[in-house]
C-alpha atoms as a PDB file:
ATOM      1  CA  MET A   1     -24.427 -21.842  25.487  1.00  0.00           C
ATOM      2  CA  ASP A   2     -26.917 -19.090  26.247  1.00  0.00           C
ATOM      3  CA  TRP A   3     -27.557 -16.324  23.676  1.00  0.00           C
ATOM      4  CA  ASN A   4     -26.481 -13.692  26.214  1.00  0.00           C
ATOM      5  CA  ILE A   5     -23.102 -15.347  26.689  1.00  0.00           C
ATOM      6  CA  PHE A   6     -22.675 -15.787  22.934  1.00  0.00           C
ATOM      7  CA  LEU A   7     -23.473 -12.135  22.201  1.00  0.00           C
ATOM      8  CA  GLN A   8     -21.146 -10.974  24.976  1.00  0.00           C
ATOM      9  CA  ARG A   9     -18.303 -13.010  23.479  1.00  0.00           C
ATOM     10  CA  VAL A  10     -19.006 -11.644  19.994  1.00  0.00           C
ATOM     11  CA  TYR A  11     -19.087  -8.085  21.367  1.00  0.00           C
ATOM     12  CA  ARG A  12     -15.828  -8.626  23.273  1.00  0.00           C
ATOM     13  CA  GLY A  13     -14.185 -10.039  20.133  1.00  0.00           C
ATOM     14  CA  LEU A  14     -15.303  -7.086  18.028  1.00  0.00           C
ATOM     15  CA  LEU A  15     -13.915  -4.671  20.599  1.00  0.00           C
ATOM     16  CA  GLN A  16     -10.579  -6.503  20.573  1.00  0.00           C
ATOM     17  CA  ILE A  17     -10.432  -6.171  16.791  1.00  0.00           C
ATOM     18  CA  PHE A  18     -11.487  -2.506  16.814  1.00  0.00           C
ATOM     19  CA  TYR A  19      -9.061  -1.495  19.552  1.00  0.00           C
ATOM     20  CA  PHE A  20      -6.060  -3.391  18.173  1.00  0.00           C
ATOM     21  CA  ILE A  21      -3.620  -0.799  19.575  1.00  0.00           C
ATOM     22  CA  PRO A  22      -3.738  -0.862  23.388  1.00  0.00           C
ATOM     23  CA  LYS A  23      -4.511   2.415  25.153  1.00  0.00           C
ATOM     24  CA  THR A  24      -1.273   2.166  27.131  1.00  0.00           C
ATOM     25  CA  GLU A  25       0.758   2.198  23.898  1.00  0.00           C
ATOM     26  CA  ILE A  26      -0.869   5.464  22.813  1.00  0.00           C
ATOM     27  CA  ASP A  27      -0.404   6.865  26.337  1.00  0.00           C
ATOM     28  CA  ASN A  28       3.313   6.058  26.161  1.00  0.00           C
ATOM     29  CA  PHE A  29       3.591   7.575  22.661  1.00  0.00           C
ATOM     30  CA  VAL A  30       1.801  10.789  23.648  1.00  0.00           C
ATOM     31  CA  GLY A  31       3.549  11.020  26.998  1.00  0.00           C
ATOM     32  CA  SER A  32       0.428  11.499  29.089  1.00  0.00           C
ATOM     33  CA  SER A  33      -2.803   9.682  29.821  1.00  0.00           C
ATOM     34  CA  ILE A  34      -5.682  10.182  27.375  1.00  0.00           C
ATOM     35  CA  ASP A  35      -9.364   9.670  28.089  1.00  0.00           C
ATOM     36  CA  ASN A  36     -11.538   6.982  26.504  1.00  0.00           C
ATOM     37  CA  ILE A  37     -13.278   9.304  24.023  1.00  0.00           C
ATOM     38  CA  THR A  38      -9.968  10.568  22.658  1.00  0.00           C
ATOM     39  CA  TYR A  39      -8.757   6.975  22.407  1.00  0.00           C
ATOM     40  CA  SER A  40     -11.896   5.979  20.467  1.00  0.00           C
ATOM     41  CA  VAL A  41     -11.519   8.944  18.090  1.00  0.00           C
ATOM     42  CA  ILE A  42      -7.872   8.023  17.472  1.00  0.00           C
ATOM     43  CA  MET A  43      -8.826   4.403  16.720  1.00  0.00           C
ATOM     44  CA  ILE A  44     -11.625   5.489  14.345  1.00  0.00           C
ATOM     45  CA  GLY A  45      -9.117   7.684  12.519  1.00  0.00           C
ATOM     46  CA  ILE A  46      -6.620   4.835  12.271  1.00  0.00           C
ATOM     47  CA  TRP A  47      -9.297   2.501  10.867  1.00  0.00           C
ATOM     48  CA  LEU A  48     -10.360   5.136   8.310  1.00  0.00           C
ATOM     49  CA  VAL A  49      -6.750   5.434   7.138  1.00  0.00           C
ATOM     50  CA  VAL A  50      -6.395   1.631   6.984  1.00  0.00           C
ATOM     51  CA  PHE A  51      -9.578   1.202   4.934  1.00  0.00           C
ATOM     52  CA  PHE A  52      -8.608   4.075   2.621  1.00  0.00           C
ATOM     53  CA  LEU A  53      -5.193   2.532   1.973  1.00  0.00           C
ATOM     54  CA  ILE A  54      -6.773  -0.854   1.258  1.00  0.00           C
ATOM     55  CA  TRP A  55      -9.243   0.777  -1.142  1.00  0.00           C
ATOM     56  CA  LEU A  56      -6.459   2.788  -2.806  1.00  0.00           C
ATOM     57  CA  SER A  57      -4.270  -0.270  -3.364  1.00  0.00           C
ATOM     58  CA  ILE A  58      -7.188  -2.241  -4.845  1.00  0.00           C
ATOM     59  CA  PHE A  59      -8.082   0.738  -7.066  1.00  0.00           C
ATOM     60  CA  ILE A  60      -4.508   1.140  -8.326  1.00  0.00           C
ATOM     61  CA  LEU A  61      -4.245  -2.604  -8.959  1.00  0.00           C
ATOM     62  CA  TYR A  62      -7.554  -2.540 -10.867  1.00  0.00           C
ATOM     63  CA  LYS A  63      -6.461   0.416 -13.021  1.00  0.00           C
ATOM     64  CA  THR A  64      -3.089  -1.208 -13.724  1.00  0.00           C
ATOM     65  CA  ILE A  65      -4.718  -4.463 -14.812  1.00  0.00           C
ATOM     66  CA  ARG A  66      -7.194  -2.571 -17.016  1.00  0.00           C
ATOM     67  CA  LEU A  67      -4.308  -0.651 -18.598  1.00  0.00           C
ATOM     68  CA  VAL A  68      -2.284  -3.790 -19.336  1.00  0.00           C
ATOM     69  CA  VAL A  69      -5.156  -5.960 -20.566  1.00  0.00           C
END
């Protein structure tokens, strides 16, 4: 396999992970068509919320364990 093909597949896989909610689902939720920049901003916001919630749950678990032990 050529490096170009490999890097294209990696890039395509990363985009599929980043854009895990299809644009059509957001279009249906909003009720109208949104452009690609708005879609990217929405997905960045969703990922920020997801990472914050993961961090918050780990932090609360850590503090609870420290309190008990």
